[in-house]
Amino acid sequence: MISTNQLKNGNHVEVDGTIYKVVEFQHVKPGKGPAFVRTKLRRSSDGAMLDKTFRAGEKFRAVRTEVRKMQFLYADETDAHFMDAESFEQTAIPVAALGDALQWTRPSDTVDLLSIDGVPADIQLPSAVDLEVTETEPGLRGDTASGGGTKPATLETGARIQVPLFVNIGDKVRVDTRSGDYVSRA
């Protein structure tokens, strides 16, 4: 069993028979009344978000998680397909359960596939990835690194982000996978 005092971002817990990933949590100790924990949870089966409040000290069943290195093959309308590089076993995960993680993953990339109680459920991404810009408007004369301003750009995975004016087609950029923000040139 796991208590609300032991919650961490990324933990998986079972609430009312459904498995959730803790996206965000906050311990609140009001001046009057008992302490409680405010959480933002993502349902692992379909990616739906849920805001839930628990009493401090409430207990949940801890969920066994396991991470395996897998190669991302492709994604169709419903599923994302992965392959174990050693056994060549293929696994499919519903695209809805992965959320935004696929927009930062190229085909043939090696990713950490998270299994919850033996069932593949999610992928874990590094905090930043390097991707090539495939489409953006040309920079204007006088645009400099300190010039300020941003423009939309499409990356090789199809993700759209805002980049500084000096970034051109073919440049590699580092993107924060948690927020989707431009970090730097790679």
Protein backbone atom coordinates (compact mmCIF):
# COMPACT_ATOMS: atom_id res chain seq x y z
CA MET A 1 0.00 0.00 0.00
CA ILE A 2 1.08 3.57 -0.68
CA SER A 3 -0.03 6.57 1.34
CA THR A 4 -0.79 10.10 0.08
CA ASN A 5 2.34 11.18 1.99
CA GLN A 6 4.46 9.03 -0.37
CA LEU A 7 2.99 10.32 -3.66
CA LYS A 8 5.43 11.54 -6.32
CA ASN A 9 4.92 12.79 -9.86
CA GLY A 10 4.99 9.78 -12.17
CA ASN A 11 3.78 7.27 -9.55
CA HIS A 12 1.00 4.91 -10.55
CA VAL A 13 -1.81 4.22 -8.09
CA GLU A 14 -5.09 2.37 -8.17
CA VAL A 15 -8.13 4.47 -7.22
CA ASP A 16 -11.59 2.85 -7.21
CA GLY A 17 -10.33 -0.07 -9.30
CA THR A 18 -8.79 2.13 -12.03
CA ILE A 19 -5.07 2.76 -12.52
CA TYR A 20 -3.94 6.39 -12.71
CA LYS A 21 -0.60 8.15 -13.17
CA VAL A 22 0.07 11.04 -10.78
CA VAL A 23 0.74 14.05 -13.00
CA GLU A 24 0.73 16.66 -10.26
CA PHE A 25 0.06 16.71 -6.53
CA GLN A 26 -0.03 19.27 -3.75
CA HIS A 27 -0.23 18.77 0.01
CA VAL A 28 -2.53 21.39 1.52
CA LYS A 29 -2.65 22.16 5.25
CA PRO A 30 -5.40 24.73 5.78
CA GLY A 31 -5.42 26.83 8.94
CA LYS A 32 -8.68 25.22 9.98
CA GLY A 33 -9.61 21.60 9.36
CA PRO A 34 -7.63 18.50 8.41
CA ALA A 35 -4.85 18.37 5.80
CA PHE A 36 -5.61 17.03 2.32
CA VAL A 37 -3.86 16.26 -0.95
CA ARG A 38 -5.01 17.80 -4.23
CA THR A 39 -3.97 15.72 -7.26
CA LYS A 40 -4.15 15.75 -11.03
CA LEU A 41 -4.34 12.17 -12.32
CA ARG A 42 -4.16 10.67 -15.85
CA ARG A 43 -6.11 7.46 -16.43
CA SER A 44 -3.63 4.96 -17.91
CA SER A 45 -6.22 3.21 -20.09
CA ASP A 46 -7.27 6.21 -22.21
CA GLY A 47 -5.29 9.26 -21.04
CA ALA A 48 -8.28 11.14 -19.56
CA MET A 49 -7.33 13.71 -16.90
CA LEU A 50 -9.00 13.80 -13.48
CA ASP A 51 -8.70 16.26 -10.59
CA LYS A 52 -9.21 14.50 -7.28
CA THR A 53 -8.77 15.45 -3.63
CA PHE A 54 -7.82 12.92 -0.94
CA ARG A 55 -7.59 13.10 2.84
CA ALA A 56 -4.01 13.15 4.14
CA GLY A 57 -2.86 9.64 5.01
CA GLU A 58 -5.34 7.89 2.69
CA LYS A 59 -3.90 4.65 1.26
CA PHE A 60 -3.91 3.17 -2.26
CA ARG A 61 -2.73 -0.08 -3.78
CA ALA A 62 0.75 0.44 -5.21
CA VAL A 63 0.93 -0.60 -8.84
CA ARG A 64 3.89 -2.65 -10.10
CA THR A 65 5.59 -0.92 -13.02
CA GLU A 66 8.35 -2.18 -15.29
CA VAL A 67 10.35 -0.39 -17.98
CA ARG A 68 11.71 -2.08 -21.14
CA LYS A 69 13.68 -0.62 -24.04
CA MET A 70 11.59 -0.87 -27.21
CA GLN A 71 11.86 0.53 -30.73
CA PHE A 72 9.01 2.76 -31.92
CA LEU A 73 7.88 1.46 -35.33
CA TYR A 74 4.89 3.56 -36.40
CA ALA A 75 1.53 4.92 -35.30
CA ASP A 76 -1.77 4.56 -37.13
CA GLU A 77 -5.13 6.16 -36.26
CA THR A 78 -5.74 3.93 -33.24
CA ASP A 79 -2.50 2.34 -32.02
CA ALA A 80 1.23 3.00 -31.69
CA HIS A 81 3.38 -0.03 -32.49
CA PHE A 82 6.63 -0.94 -30.70
CA MET A 83 9.13 -3.79 -31.10
CA ASP A 84 11.52 -5.41 -28.64
CA ALA A 85 14.95 -5.25 -30.32
CA GLU A 86 16.09 -8.57 -28.83
CA SER A 87 13.05 -10.85 -29.17
CA PHE A 88 11.39 -8.95 -32.08
CA GLU A 89 8.09 -9.18 -30.18
CA GLN A 90 5.68 -6.41 -31.23
CA THR A 91 3.35 -4.51 -28.90
CA ALA A 92 0.56 -2.02 -29.63
CA ILE A 93 -0.63 0.73 -27.27
CA PRO A 94 -3.70 2.93 -27.94
CA VAL A 95 -2.63 6.38 -29.17
CA ALA A 96 -5.07 8.06 -26.75
CA ALA A 97 -3.29 6.51 -23.75
CA LEU A 98 0.08 7.97 -24.82
CA GLY A 99 -1.11 11.57 -24.91
CA ASP A 100 1.43 13.98 -26.41
CA ALA A 101 4.42 11.63 -26.11
CA LEU A 102 4.24 10.50 -29.75
CA GLN A 103 4.75 13.99 -31.14
CA TRP A 104 8.31 13.93 -29.76
CA THR A 105 9.12 10.39 -31.01
CA ARG A 106 10.49 9.53 -34.47
CA PRO A 107 9.97 6.12 -36.08
CA SER A 108 12.93 3.83 -35.23
CA ASP A 109 13.69 5.73 -32.00
CA THR A 110 14.41 3.60 -28.95
CA VAL A 111 12.08 4.47 -26.07
CA ASP A 112 11.37 3.21 -22.55
CA LEU A 113 8.06 1.35 -22.65
CA LEU A 114 6.29 1.34 -19.29
CA SER A 115 4.26 -1.74 -18.37
CA ILE A 116 1.71 -1.48 -15.55
CA ASP A 117 0.95 -4.79 -13.85
CA GLY A 118 2.38 -6.55 -16.92
CA VAL A 119 0.29 -4.60 -19.47
CA PRO A 120 2.10 -2.09 -21.79
CA ALA A 121 0.62 1.33 -21.05
CA ASP A 122 2.90 4.33 -21.66
CA ILE A 123 6.29 5.52 -22.87
CA GLN A 124 8.79 7.53 -20.86
CA LEU A 125 10.55 10.32 -22.72
CA PRO A 126 13.75 12.16 -21.86
CA SER A 127 13.22 15.71 -20.62
CA ALA A 128 14.43 17.13 -23.97
CA VAL A 129 14.76 15.79 -27.52
CA ASP A 130 16.62 17.05 -30.60
CA LEU A 131 14.46 17.28 -33.74
CA GLU A 132 14.95 18.78 -37.19
CA VAL A 133 12.84 21.70 -38.43
CA THR A 134 11.10 20.67 -41.67
CA GLU A 135 8.94 23.73 -42.28
CA THR A 136 9.08 27.34 -41.15
CA GLU A 137 8.90 30.77 -42.69
CA PRO A 138 12.25 32.31 -43.65
CA GLY A 139 13.84 34.70 -41.19
CA LEU A 140 13.83 38.39 -42.05
CA ARG A 141 16.95 40.48 -42.51
CA GLY A 142 18.12 41.80 -39.17
CA ASP A 143 16.85 38.83 -37.17
CA THR A 144 19.43 37.99 -34.54
CA ALA A 145 19.72 35.66 -31.62
CA SER A 146 18.86 38.52 -29.27
CA GLY A 147 16.27 40.04 -31.60
CA GLY A 148 13.27 38.55 -29.84
CA GLY A 149 10.11 37.31 -31.45
CA THR A 150 9.01 33.84 -32.48
CA LYS A 151 7.50 32.10 -35.47
CA PRO A 152 5.74 28.74 -35.92
CA ALA A 153 7.77 25.75 -37.09
CA THR A 154 6.93 22.15 -37.96
CA LEU A 155 9.33 19.46 -36.75
CA GLU A 156 10.20 16.14 -38.44
CA THR A 157 7.67 14.33 -36.23
CA GLY A 158 4.86 16.68 -37.29
CA ALA A 159 4.79 18.61 -34.01
CA ARG A 160 4.29 22.38 -34.24
CA ILE A 161 6.19 24.66 -31.87
CA GLN A 162 7.23 28.31 -31.63
CA VAL A 163 10.90 28.98 -32.44
CA PRO A 164 13.03 32.16 -32.52
CA LEU A 165 13.17 34.08 -35.80
CA PHE A 166 16.75 32.99 -36.60
CA VAL A 167 15.87 29.25 -36.85
CA ASN A 168 15.71 27.95 -40.45
CA ILE A 169 14.59 24.79 -42.25
CA GLY A 170 17.08 21.97 -41.65
CA ASP A 171 18.23 23.28 -38.25
CA LYS A 172 18.13 20.87 -35.32
CA VAL A 173 16.41 22.26 -32.25
CA ARG A 174 16.17 20.98 -28.69
CA VAL A 175 12.58 20.82 -27.39
CA ASP A 176 11.41 20.34 -23.79
CA THR A 177 9.09 17.29 -23.93
CA ARG A 178 7.18 18.27 -20.79
CA SER A 179 6.06 21.72 -21.97
CA GLY A 180 6.67 21.57 -25.74
CA ASP A 181 8.86 24.70 -25.64
CA TYR A 182 11.94 25.48 -27.71
CA VAL A 183 15.09 25.22 -25.57
CA SER A 184 18.04 25.83 -27.92
CA ARG A 185 19.68 24.83 -31.17
CA ALA A 186 21.09 21.32 -31.06
